[in-house]
């Protein structure tokens, strides 16, 4: 049986496969309006570091949008990934609550929020750099089904997710997931 922690680890590994090719393109636009790929990768690394700190009761060392990448984005991702994996594998990680920027959530719910961050931002980076072949379609399909079941109305506000965009029903799961969350998939396709 695949647990939510297994899914987080898979998402971290999948995103890790695309990070090296993202580094030369960091100044390119992201599917997230107003962000470059560097902004998006920095946001992802910051989120991983903050989740790891929250789960382990330590100080993250910065705010979500601090400069987490420094001069070596690959190393920054690898360090955040190691901390994140260790924090989620810590005994009792799914017991209790996790404090996020928008409130306190039960740890299993926070784990789904974190999984969403890693999968979606990883997919954004992959689509933007022509690495869609590396994405885990089962993981994207599972997350899309979970989001559709829960409903996203409360999260469709500026700064989180935009309105659903059109996407063919037979598109790969990662593209349907990104379109569901308001990503403009036509712009990245033109850039790639």
N, C-alpha and C. Protein backbone atom coordinates (compact mmCIF):
# COMPACT_ATOMS: atom_id res chain seq x y z
N UNK A 1 0.84 -1.18 0.00
CA UNK A 1 0.00 0.00 0.00
C UNK A 1 0.88 1.25 0.00
N UNK A 2 0.60 2.17 -0.90
CA UNK A 2 1.36 3.41 -0.99
C UNK A 2 0.82 4.40 0.03
N UNK A 3 1.69 4.89 0.88
CA UNK A 3 1.28 5.89 1.88
C UNK A 3 1.50 7.29 1.33
N UNK A 4 0.97 8.28 2.01
CA UNK A 4 1.18 9.66 1.60
C UNK A 4 2.66 10.03 1.70
N UNK A 5 3.37 9.48 2.68
CA UNK A 5 4.81 9.75 2.79
C UNK A 5 5.55 9.12 1.61
N UNK A 6 5.14 7.92 1.19
CA UNK A 6 5.74 7.31 -0.01
C UNK A 6 5.51 8.21 -1.23
N UNK A 7 4.30 8.76 -1.32
CA UNK A 7 3.98 9.64 -2.45
C UNK A 7 4.85 10.90 -2.42
N UNK A 8 5.07 11.46 -1.24
CA UNK A 8 5.93 12.64 -1.13
C UNK A 8 7.35 12.29 -1.58
N UNK A 9 7.86 11.16 -1.13
CA UNK A 9 9.22 10.77 -1.52
C UNK A 9 9.33 10.56 -3.03
N UNK A 10 8.32 9.94 -3.62
CA UNK A 10 8.31 9.75 -5.07
C UNK A 10 8.30 11.09 -5.79
N UNK A 11 7.48 12.02 -5.31
CA UNK A 11 7.40 13.35 -5.93
C UNK A 11 8.73 14.09 -5.81
N UNK A 12 9.38 13.99 -4.67
CA UNK A 12 10.69 14.63 -4.49
C UNK A 12 11.70 14.05 -5.47
N UNK A 13 11.70 12.73 -5.62
CA UNK A 13 12.64 12.09 -6.55
C UNK A 13 12.33 12.48 -8.00
N UNK A 14 11.05 12.47 -8.36
CA UNK A 14 10.65 12.82 -9.73
C UNK A 14 11.07 14.26 -10.05
N UNK A 15 10.78 15.17 -9.15
CA UNK A 15 11.16 16.57 -9.38
C UNK A 15 12.67 16.71 -9.41
N UNK A 16 13.35 15.94 -8.60
CA UNK A 16 14.82 15.98 -8.61
C UNK A 16 15.40 15.63 -9.96
N UNK A 17 14.71 14.76 -10.73
CA UNK A 17 15.23 14.39 -12.05
C UNK A 17 15.17 15.54 -13.04
N UNK A 18 14.29 16.51 -12.82
CA UNK A 18 14.18 17.63 -13.76
C UNK A 18 14.99 18.85 -13.34
N UNK A 19 15.42 18.91 -12.10
CA UNK A 19 16.07 20.13 -11.59
C UNK A 19 17.35 20.47 -12.35
N UNK A 20 18.18 19.49 -12.66
CA UNK A 20 19.46 19.77 -13.34
C UNK A 20 19.24 20.50 -14.66
N UNK A 21 18.24 20.09 -15.43
CA UNK A 21 17.98 20.74 -16.71
C UNK A 21 17.28 22.07 -16.56
N UNK A 22 16.70 22.33 -15.41
CA UNK A 22 16.03 23.61 -15.17
C UNK A 22 17.07 24.71 -14.92
N UNK A 23 18.18 24.34 -14.30
CA UNK A 23 19.18 25.33 -13.88
C UNK A 23 19.62 26.25 -15.02
N UNK A 24 19.93 25.76 -16.23
CA UNK A 24 20.33 26.68 -17.30
C UNK A 24 19.20 27.61 -17.76
N UNK A 25 17.96 27.27 -17.43
CA UNK A 25 16.80 28.05 -17.89
C UNK A 25 16.15 28.85 -16.77
N UNK A 26 16.82 29.07 -15.66
CA UNK A 26 16.20 29.70 -14.49
C UNK A 26 15.57 31.06 -14.77
N UNK A 27 16.07 31.79 -15.75
CA UNK A 27 15.51 33.11 -16.05
C UNK A 27 14.26 33.03 -16.92
N UNK A 28 13.91 31.86 -17.42
CA UNK A 28 12.73 31.69 -18.28
C UNK A 28 11.45 31.83 -17.48
N UNK A 29 10.37 32.23 -18.15
CA UNK A 29 9.08 32.35 -17.46
C UNK A 29 8.56 30.98 -17.01
N UNK A 30 7.84 30.99 -15.92
CA UNK A 30 7.20 29.80 -15.36
C UNK A 30 5.72 29.80 -15.76
N UNK A 31 5.06 28.64 -15.70
CA UNK A 31 3.61 28.63 -15.89
C UNK A 31 2.86 29.39 -14.79
N UNK A 32 3.52 29.67 -13.67
CA UNK A 32 2.92 30.49 -12.62
C UNK A 32 3.07 31.96 -13.02
N UNK A 33 1.97 32.65 -13.27
CA UNK A 33 2.05 34.04 -13.74
C UNK A 33 2.94 34.91 -12.85
N UNK A 34 3.83 35.64 -13.50
CA UNK A 34 4.70 36.58 -12.80
C UNK A 34 5.97 35.95 -12.22
N UNK A 35 6.14 34.66 -12.36
CA UNK A 35 7.31 33.97 -11.83
C UNK A 35 8.22 33.50 -12.94
N UNK A 36 9.52 33.48 -12.66
CA UNK A 36 10.48 32.79 -13.51
C UNK A 36 10.62 31.37 -12.97
N UNK A 37 11.34 30.53 -13.70
CA UNK A 37 11.60 29.18 -13.20
C UNK A 37 12.42 29.24 -11.92
N UNK A 38 13.30 30.24 -11.80
CA UNK A 38 14.07 30.39 -10.55
C UNK A 38 13.12 30.69 -9.39
N UNK A 39 12.17 31.60 -9.61
CA UNK A 39 11.20 31.92 -8.56
C UNK A 39 10.45 30.67 -8.12
N UNK A 40 10.02 29.87 -9.09
CA UNK A 40 9.24 28.68 -8.77
C UNK A 40 10.08 27.63 -8.04
N UNK A 41 11.31 27.40 -8.53
CA UNK A 41 12.17 26.43 -7.85
C UNK A 41 12.54 26.93 -6.45
N UNK A 42 12.78 28.21 -6.31
CA UNK A 42 13.08 28.78 -5.00
C UNK A 42 11.90 28.61 -4.04
N UNK A 43 10.69 28.85 -4.54
CA UNK A 43 9.46 28.66 -3.75
C UNK A 43 9.35 27.20 -3.30
N UNK A 44 9.61 26.28 -4.20
CA UNK A 44 9.54 24.86 -3.89
C UNK A 44 10.57 24.47 -2.83
N UNK A 45 11.82 24.90 -3.03
CA UNK A 45 12.88 24.58 -2.06
C UNK A 45 12.56 25.20 -0.70
N UNK A 46 12.10 26.44 -0.71
CA UNK A 46 11.72 27.09 0.55
C UNK A 46 10.60 26.33 1.25
N UNK A 47 9.60 25.89 0.49
CA UNK A 47 8.51 25.13 1.08
C UNK A 47 8.98 23.82 1.68
N UNK A 48 9.88 23.15 0.99
CA UNK A 48 10.42 21.89 1.51
C UNK A 48 11.18 22.14 2.81
N UNK A 49 11.98 23.19 2.85
CA UNK A 49 12.75 23.50 4.06
C UNK A 49 11.83 23.88 5.22
N UNK A 50 10.77 24.63 4.92
CA UNK A 50 9.84 25.06 5.97
C UNK A 50 9.03 23.88 6.49
N UNK A 51 8.55 23.00 5.60
CA UNK A 51 7.85 21.81 6.06
C UNK A 51 8.76 20.95 6.93
N UNK A 52 10.00 20.74 6.49
CA UNK A 52 10.95 19.92 7.27
C UNK A 52 11.17 20.53 8.65
N UNK A 53 11.32 21.84 8.71
CA UNK A 53 11.54 22.51 10.00
C UNK A 53 10.31 22.40 10.90
N UNK A 54 9.14 22.59 10.31
CA UNK A 54 7.90 22.51 11.08
C UNK A 54 7.71 21.09 11.64
N UNK A 55 7.99 20.09 10.84
CA UNK A 55 7.82 18.71 11.28
C UNK A 55 8.85 18.29 12.32
N UNK A 56 10.04 18.86 12.25
CA UNK A 56 11.10 18.46 13.18
C UNK A 56 11.28 19.42 14.35
N UNK A 57 10.48 20.50 14.37
CA UNK A 57 10.56 21.45 15.47
C UNK A 57 11.83 22.28 15.47
N UNK A 58 12.35 22.57 14.28
CA UNK A 58 13.56 23.38 14.16
C UNK A 58 13.24 24.67 13.43
N UNK A 59 14.23 25.52 13.29
CA UNK A 59 14.08 26.79 12.57
C UNK A 59 14.46 26.57 11.11
N UNK A 60 13.62 26.99 10.21
CA UNK A 60 13.88 26.81 8.77
C UNK A 60 15.04 27.66 8.29
N UNK A 61 15.29 28.76 8.96
CA UNK A 61 16.39 29.63 8.55
C UNK A 61 15.99 30.69 7.56
N UNK A 62 14.71 30.87 7.32
CA UNK A 62 14.25 31.90 6.39
C UNK A 62 12.75 31.84 6.21
N UNK A 63 12.25 32.81 5.48
CA UNK A 63 10.82 32.87 5.14
C UNK A 63 10.61 32.13 3.82
N UNK A 64 9.36 31.86 3.48
CA UNK A 64 9.08 31.07 2.28
C UNK A 64 9.76 31.62 1.04
N UNK A 65 9.73 32.91 0.85
CA UNK A 65 10.29 33.48 -0.38
C UNK A 65 11.69 34.05 -0.19
N UNK A 66 12.39 33.66 0.87
CA UNK A 66 13.81 34.02 1.01
C UNK A 66 14.58 33.39 -0.15
N UNK A 67 15.83 33.78 -0.33
CA UNK A 67 16.65 33.16 -1.37
C UNK A 67 17.19 31.84 -0.84
N UNK A 68 16.54 30.75 -1.20
CA UNK A 68 16.93 29.42 -0.76
C UNK A 68 17.91 28.76 -1.72
N UNK A 69 18.00 29.27 -2.95
CA UNK A 69 18.83 28.63 -3.96
C UNK A 69 20.29 29.04 -3.92
N UNK A 70 20.55 30.30 -3.55
CA UNK A 70 21.92 30.77 -3.56
C UNK A 70 22.53 30.62 -4.94
N UNK A 71 23.81 30.25 -4.99
CA UNK A 71 24.52 30.12 -6.26
C UNK A 71 24.44 28.72 -6.85
N UNK A 72 23.89 27.76 -6.12
CA UNK A 72 23.84 26.37 -6.59
C UNK A 72 22.45 25.79 -6.36
N UNK A 73 21.60 25.97 -7.35
CA UNK A 73 20.20 25.53 -7.24
C UNK A 73 20.09 24.02 -7.09
N UNK A 74 20.93 23.27 -7.79
CA UNK A 74 20.88 21.81 -7.66
C UNK A 74 21.20 21.36 -6.25
N UNK A 75 22.25 21.92 -5.68
CA UNK A 75 22.64 21.55 -4.32
C UNK A 75 21.58 21.98 -3.32
N UNK A 76 20.97 23.14 -3.55
CA UNK A 76 19.92 23.62 -2.65
C UNK A 76 18.72 22.67 -2.68
N UNK A 77 18.36 22.20 -3.88
CA UNK A 77 17.25 21.25 -3.98
C UNK A 77 17.61 19.95 -3.28
N UNK A 78 18.80 19.45 -3.52
CA UNK A 78 19.22 18.18 -2.91
C UNK A 78 19.21 18.27 -1.38
N UNK A 79 19.71 19.37 -0.84
CA UNK A 79 19.74 19.54 0.62
C UNK A 79 18.32 19.62 1.19
N UNK A 80 17.45 20.38 0.52
CA UNK A 80 16.05 20.48 0.98
C UNK A 80 15.35 19.13 0.87
N UNK A 81 15.62 18.38 -0.20
CA UNK A 81 15.00 17.07 -0.38
C UNK A 81 15.40 16.12 0.74
N UNK A 82 16.67 16.13 1.10
CA UNK A 82 17.14 15.25 2.18
C UNK A 82 16.47 15.60 3.51
N UNK A 83 16.38 16.88 3.82
CA UNK A 83 15.72 17.31 5.05
C UNK A 83 14.24 16.95 5.05
N UNK A 84 13.60 17.16 3.92
CA UNK A 84 12.17 16.88 3.78
C UNK A 84 11.88 15.40 3.96
N UNK A 85 12.64 14.56 3.27
CA UNK A 85 12.44 13.11 3.40
C UNK A 85 12.60 12.66 4.86
N UNK A 86 13.66 13.12 5.48
CA UNK A 86 13.93 12.73 6.87
C UNK A 86 12.81 13.19 7.81
N UNK A 87 12.30 14.39 7.58
CA UNK A 87 11.25 14.92 8.45
C UNK A 87 9.96 14.11 8.32
N UNK A 88 9.58 13.74 7.11
CA UNK A 88 8.35 12.96 6.91
C UNK A 88 8.50 11.54 7.39
N UNK A 89 9.72 11.00 7.42
CA UNK A 89 9.95 9.63 7.89
C UNK A 89 10.16 9.55 9.40
N UNK A 90 10.22 10.67 10.05
CA UNK A 90 10.40 10.72 11.51
C UNK A 90 9.18 10.07 12.17
N UNK A 91 9.40 9.25 13.22
CA UNK A 91 8.26 8.64 13.91
C UNK A 91 7.28 9.72 14.40
N UNK A 92 6.01 9.48 14.14
CA UNK A 92 4.98 10.42 14.58
C UNK A 92 4.76 11.61 13.67
N UNK A 93 5.41 11.63 12.50
CA UNK A 93 5.28 12.78 11.60
C UNK A 93 3.84 13.03 11.17
N UNK A 94 3.04 11.99 11.09
CA UNK A 94 1.65 12.15 10.66
C UNK A 94 0.67 12.26 11.83
N UNK A 95 1.21 12.36 13.03
CA UNK A 95 0.39 12.59 14.21
C UNK A 95 0.40 14.09 14.49
N UNK A 96 -0.62 14.60 15.07
CA UNK A 96 -0.63 16.01 15.45
C UNK A 96 -1.00 16.94 14.32
N UNK A 97 -0.46 18.15 14.39
CA UNK A 97 -0.81 19.20 13.43
C UNK A 97 0.46 19.82 12.84
N UNK A 98 0.26 20.55 11.75
CA UNK A 98 1.35 21.27 11.08
C UNK A 98 0.86 22.69 10.84
N UNK A 99 1.68 23.66 11.24
CA UNK A 99 1.34 25.08 11.05
C UNK A 99 1.83 25.52 9.67
N UNK A 100 0.89 26.01 8.86
CA UNK A 100 1.20 26.53 7.54
C UNK A 100 0.88 28.02 7.50
N UNK A 101 1.25 28.67 6.44
CA UNK A 101 1.01 30.10 6.31
C UNK A 101 -0.46 30.48 6.38
N UNK A 102 -1.34 29.56 6.02
CA UNK A 102 -2.78 29.88 6.04
C UNK A 102 -3.52 29.21 7.18
N UNK A 103 -2.79 28.57 8.11
CA UNK A 103 -3.44 27.99 9.28
C UNK A 103 -2.80 26.68 9.72
N UNK A 104 -3.40 26.09 10.74
CA UNK A 104 -2.91 24.84 11.30
C UNK A 104 -3.78 23.71 10.74
N UNK A 105 -3.12 22.66 10.25
CA UNK A 105 -3.84 21.52 9.65
C UNK A 105 -3.43 20.22 10.33
N UNK A 106 -4.32 19.24 10.34
CA UNK A 106 -3.90 17.91 10.79
C UNK A 106 -2.74 17.45 9.89
N UNK A 107 -1.77 16.77 10.45
CA UNK A 107 -0.58 16.38 9.70
C UNK A 107 -0.89 15.62 8.41
N UNK A 108 -1.85 14.68 8.38
CA UNK A 108 -2.13 14.00 7.10
C UNK A 108 -2.64 14.96 6.02
N UNK A 109 -3.42 15.95 6.41
CA UNK A 109 -3.90 16.95 5.45
C UNK A 109 -2.74 17.82 4.98
N UNK A 110 -1.87 18.22 5.90
CA UNK A 110 -0.69 18.99 5.53
C UNK A 110 0.21 18.20 4.58
N UNK A 111 0.26 16.90 4.75
CA UNK A 111 1.06 16.06 3.86
C UNK A 111 0.51 16.12 2.43
N UNK A 112 -0.81 16.14 2.27
CA UNK A 112 -1.40 16.25 0.94
C UNK A 112 -1.11 17.63 0.35
N UNK A 113 -1.16 18.67 1.17
CA UNK A 113 -0.81 20.02 0.71
C UNK A 113 0.64 20.03 0.22
N UNK A 114 1.52 19.42 0.99
CA UNK A 114 2.93 19.39 0.61
C UNK A 114 3.13 18.57 -0.66
N UNK A 115 2.48 17.44 -0.75
CA UNK A 115 2.56 16.63 -1.96
C UNK A 115 2.13 17.45 -3.18
N UNK A 116 1.05 18.20 -3.02
CA UNK A 116 0.57 19.05 -4.10
C UNK A 116 1.65 20.03 -4.54
N UNK A 117 2.30 20.68 -3.58
CA UNK A 117 3.37 21.63 -3.90
C UNK A 117 4.47 20.96 -4.72
N UNK A 118 4.92 19.81 -4.27
CA UNK A 118 6.05 19.15 -4.94
C UNK A 118 5.65 18.64 -6.32
N UNK A 119 4.51 17.98 -6.42
CA UNK A 119 4.07 17.44 -7.71
C UNK A 119 3.79 18.56 -8.71
N UNK A 120 3.02 19.56 -8.30
CA UNK A 120 2.61 20.61 -9.24
C UNK A 120 3.79 21.47 -9.67
N UNK A 121 4.61 21.90 -8.73
CA UNK A 121 5.76 22.71 -9.13
C UNK A 121 6.76 21.89 -9.93
N UNK A 122 6.91 20.61 -9.59
CA UNK A 122 7.77 19.75 -10.40
C UNK A 122 7.25 19.61 -11.82
N UNK A 123 5.93 19.48 -11.96
CA UNK A 123 5.33 19.38 -13.30
C UNK A 123 5.49 20.70 -14.05
N UNK A 124 5.31 21.82 -13.37
CA UNK A 124 5.54 23.11 -14.02
C UNK A 124 6.95 23.19 -14.59
N UNK A 125 7.93 22.82 -13.77
CA UNK A 125 9.33 22.88 -14.19
C UNK A 125 9.59 21.94 -15.36
N UNK A 126 9.01 20.74 -15.31
CA UNK A 126 9.21 19.76 -16.38
C UNK A 126 8.58 20.24 -17.69
N UNK A 127 7.35 20.74 -17.62
CA UNK A 127 6.67 21.23 -18.83
C UNK A 127 7.47 22.39 -19.43
N UNK A 128 7.96 23.27 -18.61
CA UNK A 128 8.67 24.46 -19.08
C UNK A 128 10.01 24.14 -19.73
N UNK A 129 10.59 23.00 -19.38
CA UNK A 129 11.91 22.66 -19.90
C UNK A 129 11.89 21.40 -20.78
N UNK A 130 10.70 21.01 -21.25
CA UNK A 130 10.59 19.88 -22.16
C UNK A 130 10.95 18.54 -21.54
N UNK A 131 10.67 18.36 -20.25
CA UNK A 131 11.01 17.11 -19.57
C UNK A 131 9.79 16.34 -19.09
N UNK A 132 8.69 16.51 -19.77
CA UNK A 132 7.44 15.86 -19.34
C UNK A 132 7.57 14.34 -19.26
N UNK A 133 8.48 13.75 -20.01
CA UNK A 133 8.66 12.29 -20.00
C UNK A 133 9.08 11.78 -18.62
N UNK A 134 9.64 12.65 -17.78
CA UNK A 134 10.10 12.24 -16.46
C UNK A 134 8.99 12.22 -15.41
N UNK A 135 7.83 12.78 -15.73
CA UNK A 135 6.78 12.91 -14.72
C UNK A 135 6.09 11.58 -14.43
N UNK A 136 5.61 11.44 -13.22
CA UNK A 136 4.92 10.25 -12.75
C UNK A 136 3.42 10.46 -13.01
N UNK A 137 2.93 9.89 -14.09
CA UNK A 137 1.53 10.11 -14.50
C UNK A 137 0.55 9.52 -13.48
N UNK A 138 0.89 8.40 -12.88
CA UNK A 138 0.00 7.81 -11.87
C UNK A 138 -0.13 8.77 -10.69
N UNK A 139 0.98 9.34 -10.27
CA UNK A 139 0.98 10.28 -9.15
C UNK A 139 0.11 11.51 -9.49
N UNK A 140 0.29 12.02 -10.71
CA UNK A 140 -0.50 13.19 -11.13
C UNK A 140 -1.98 12.86 -11.21
N UNK A 141 -2.31 11.67 -11.72
CA UNK A 141 -3.73 11.26 -11.81
C UNK A 141 -4.33 11.09 -10.42
N UNK A 142 -3.58 10.50 -9.50
CA UNK A 142 -4.06 10.33 -8.13
C UNK A 142 -4.32 11.69 -7.48
N UNK A 143 -3.38 12.62 -7.65
CA UNK A 143 -3.54 13.94 -7.05
C UNK A 143 -4.71 14.69 -7.68
N UNK A 144 -4.86 14.61 -8.98
CA UNK A 144 -6.00 15.26 -9.64
C UNK A 144 -7.32 14.70 -9.12
N UNK A 145 -7.43 13.39 -9.02
CA UNK A 145 -8.67 12.78 -8.50
C UNK A 145 -8.93 13.22 -7.06
N UNK A 146 -7.88 13.30 -6.25
CA UNK A 146 -8.02 13.74 -4.86
C UNK A 146 -8.52 15.18 -4.81
N UNK A 147 -7.96 16.05 -5.64
CA UNK A 147 -8.37 17.46 -5.65
C UNK A 147 -9.80 17.62 -6.15
N UNK A 148 -10.16 16.87 -7.17
CA UNK A 148 -11.53 16.95 -7.68
C UNK A 148 -12.52 16.48 -6.63
N UNK A 149 -12.15 15.47 -5.86
CA UNK A 149 -13.03 14.95 -4.81
C UNK A 149 -13.21 15.97 -3.68
N UNK A 150 -12.11 16.61 -3.28
CA UNK A 150 -12.15 17.58 -2.19
C UNK A 150 -12.78 18.89 -2.64
N UNK A 151 -12.52 19.29 -3.88
CA UNK A 151 -13.00 20.58 -4.38
C UNK A 151 -11.96 21.65 -4.12
N UNK A 152 -11.84 22.56 -5.04
CA UNK A 152 -10.78 23.56 -4.95
C UNK A 152 -11.31 24.99 -4.82
N UNK A 153 -12.59 25.17 -4.67
CA UNK A 153 -13.17 26.51 -4.65
C UNK A 153 -12.48 27.44 -3.65
N UNK A 154 -12.19 26.95 -2.47
CA UNK A 154 -11.57 27.80 -1.44
C UNK A 154 -10.13 28.18 -1.78
N UNK A 155 -9.51 27.42 -2.67
CA UNK A 155 -8.11 27.67 -3.00
C UNK A 155 -7.93 28.43 -4.30
N UNK A 156 -9.03 28.67 -5.01
CA UNK A 156 -8.94 29.38 -6.29
C UNK A 156 -9.01 30.88 -6.03
N UNK A 157 -7.93 31.37 -5.51
CA UNK A 157 -7.82 32.81 -5.25
C UNK A 157 -6.42 33.23 -5.65
N UNK A 158 -6.19 34.51 -5.85
CA UNK A 158 -4.85 34.95 -6.23
C UNK A 158 -3.81 34.47 -5.23
N UNK A 159 -2.73 33.98 -5.77
CA UNK A 159 -1.66 33.51 -4.92
C UNK A 159 -1.68 32.02 -4.68
N UNK A 160 -2.79 31.35 -4.98
CA UNK A 160 -2.82 29.89 -4.81
C UNK A 160 -3.06 29.24 -6.17
N UNK A 161 -4.32 29.07 -6.56
CA UNK A 161 -4.63 28.45 -7.83
C UNK A 161 -5.64 29.30 -8.58
N UNK A 162 -5.48 29.35 -9.89
CA UNK A 162 -6.40 30.10 -10.72
C UNK A 162 -7.58 29.25 -11.15
N UNK A 163 -8.42 29.82 -11.98
CA UNK A 163 -9.58 29.11 -12.52
C UNK A 163 -9.10 27.98 -13.43
N UNK A 164 -9.86 26.91 -13.46
CA UNK A 164 -9.53 25.78 -14.31
C UNK A 164 -9.44 26.22 -15.76
N UNK A 165 -8.47 25.70 -16.47
CA UNK A 165 -8.26 26.02 -17.88
C UNK A 165 -8.70 24.83 -18.73
N UNK A 166 -9.06 25.08 -19.97
CA UNK A 166 -9.45 23.95 -20.83
C UNK A 166 -8.26 23.03 -21.09
N UNK A 167 -8.57 21.74 -21.17
CA UNK A 167 -7.55 20.74 -21.46
C UNK A 167 -8.26 19.52 -22.03
N UNK A 168 -7.74 18.94 -23.09
CA UNK A 168 -8.39 17.74 -23.65
C UNK A 168 -8.47 16.61 -22.62
N UNK A 169 -9.57 15.90 -22.61
CA UNK A 169 -9.79 14.80 -21.66
C UNK A 169 -8.77 13.69 -21.84
N UNK A 170 -8.19 13.57 -23.04
CA UNK A 170 -7.22 12.51 -23.28
C UNK A 170 -5.77 12.99 -23.10
N UNK A 171 -5.59 14.20 -22.58
CA UNK A 171 -4.23 14.71 -22.32
C UNK A 171 -3.60 13.91 -21.18
N UNK A 172 -2.27 13.88 -21.13
CA UNK A 172 -1.62 13.19 -20.01
C UNK A 172 -2.08 13.78 -18.67
N UNK A 173 -2.04 12.95 -17.64
CA UNK A 173 -2.54 13.36 -16.32
C UNK A 173 -1.87 14.63 -15.81
N UNK A 174 -0.57 14.79 -16.05
CA UNK A 174 0.10 15.99 -15.53
C UNK A 174 -0.45 17.26 -16.19
N UNK A 175 -0.80 17.19 -17.45
CA UNK A 175 -1.36 18.36 -18.13
C UNK A 175 -2.78 18.64 -17.64
N UNK A 176 -3.57 17.60 -17.41
CA UNK A 176 -4.92 17.79 -16.88
C UNK A 176 -4.85 18.37 -15.47
N UNK A 177 -3.88 17.91 -14.65
CA UNK A 177 -3.70 18.45 -13.30
C UNK A 177 -3.34 19.93 -13.36
N UNK A 178 -2.37 20.28 -14.18
CA UNK A 178 -1.95 21.68 -14.28
C UNK A 178 -3.09 22.57 -14.79
N UNK A 179 -3.82 22.10 -15.78
CA UNK A 179 -4.96 22.88 -16.29
C UNK A 179 -6.03 23.03 -15.21
N UNK A 180 -6.27 21.98 -14.45
CA UNK A 180 -7.25 22.04 -13.37
C UNK A 180 -6.88 23.12 -12.35
N UNK A 181 -5.59 23.31 -12.15
CA UNK A 181 -5.11 24.30 -11.18
C UNK A 181 -4.86 25.67 -11.80
N UNK A 182 -5.29 25.85 -13.04
CA UNK A 182 -5.25 27.17 -13.64
C UNK A 182 -4.00 27.51 -14.42
N UNK A 183 -3.18 26.52 -14.72
CA UNK A 183 -1.97 26.79 -15.49
C UNK A 183 -2.30 26.99 -16.95
N UNK A 184 -1.66 27.98 -17.58
CA UNK A 184 -1.81 28.22 -19.01
C UNK A 184 -0.80 27.34 -19.72
N UNK A 185 -1.27 26.20 -20.22
CA UNK A 185 -0.36 25.24 -20.84
C UNK A 185 0.05 25.62 -22.24
N UNK A 186 -0.65 26.55 -22.85
CA UNK A 186 -0.26 26.96 -24.19
C UNK A 186 1.00 27.81 -24.18
N UNK A 187 1.16 28.68 -23.20
CA UNK A 187 2.35 29.53 -23.15
C UNK A 187 3.62 28.71 -22.98
N UNK A 188 3.71 27.77 -22.03
CA UNK A 188 4.92 26.97 -21.92
C UNK A 188 5.21 26.15 -23.17
N UNK A 189 4.16 25.64 -23.83
CA UNK A 189 4.37 24.84 -25.02
C UNK A 189 5.00 25.69 -26.12
N UNK A 190 4.63 26.96 -26.23
CA UNK A 190 5.22 27.82 -27.25
C UNK A 190 6.68 28.11 -26.93
N UNK A 191 7.03 28.17 -25.63
CA UNK A 191 8.41 28.48 -25.25
C UNK A 191 9.32 27.28 -25.44
N UNK A 192 8.78 26.08 -25.25
CA UNK A 192 9.63 24.88 -25.25
C UNK A 192 10.23 24.61 -26.59
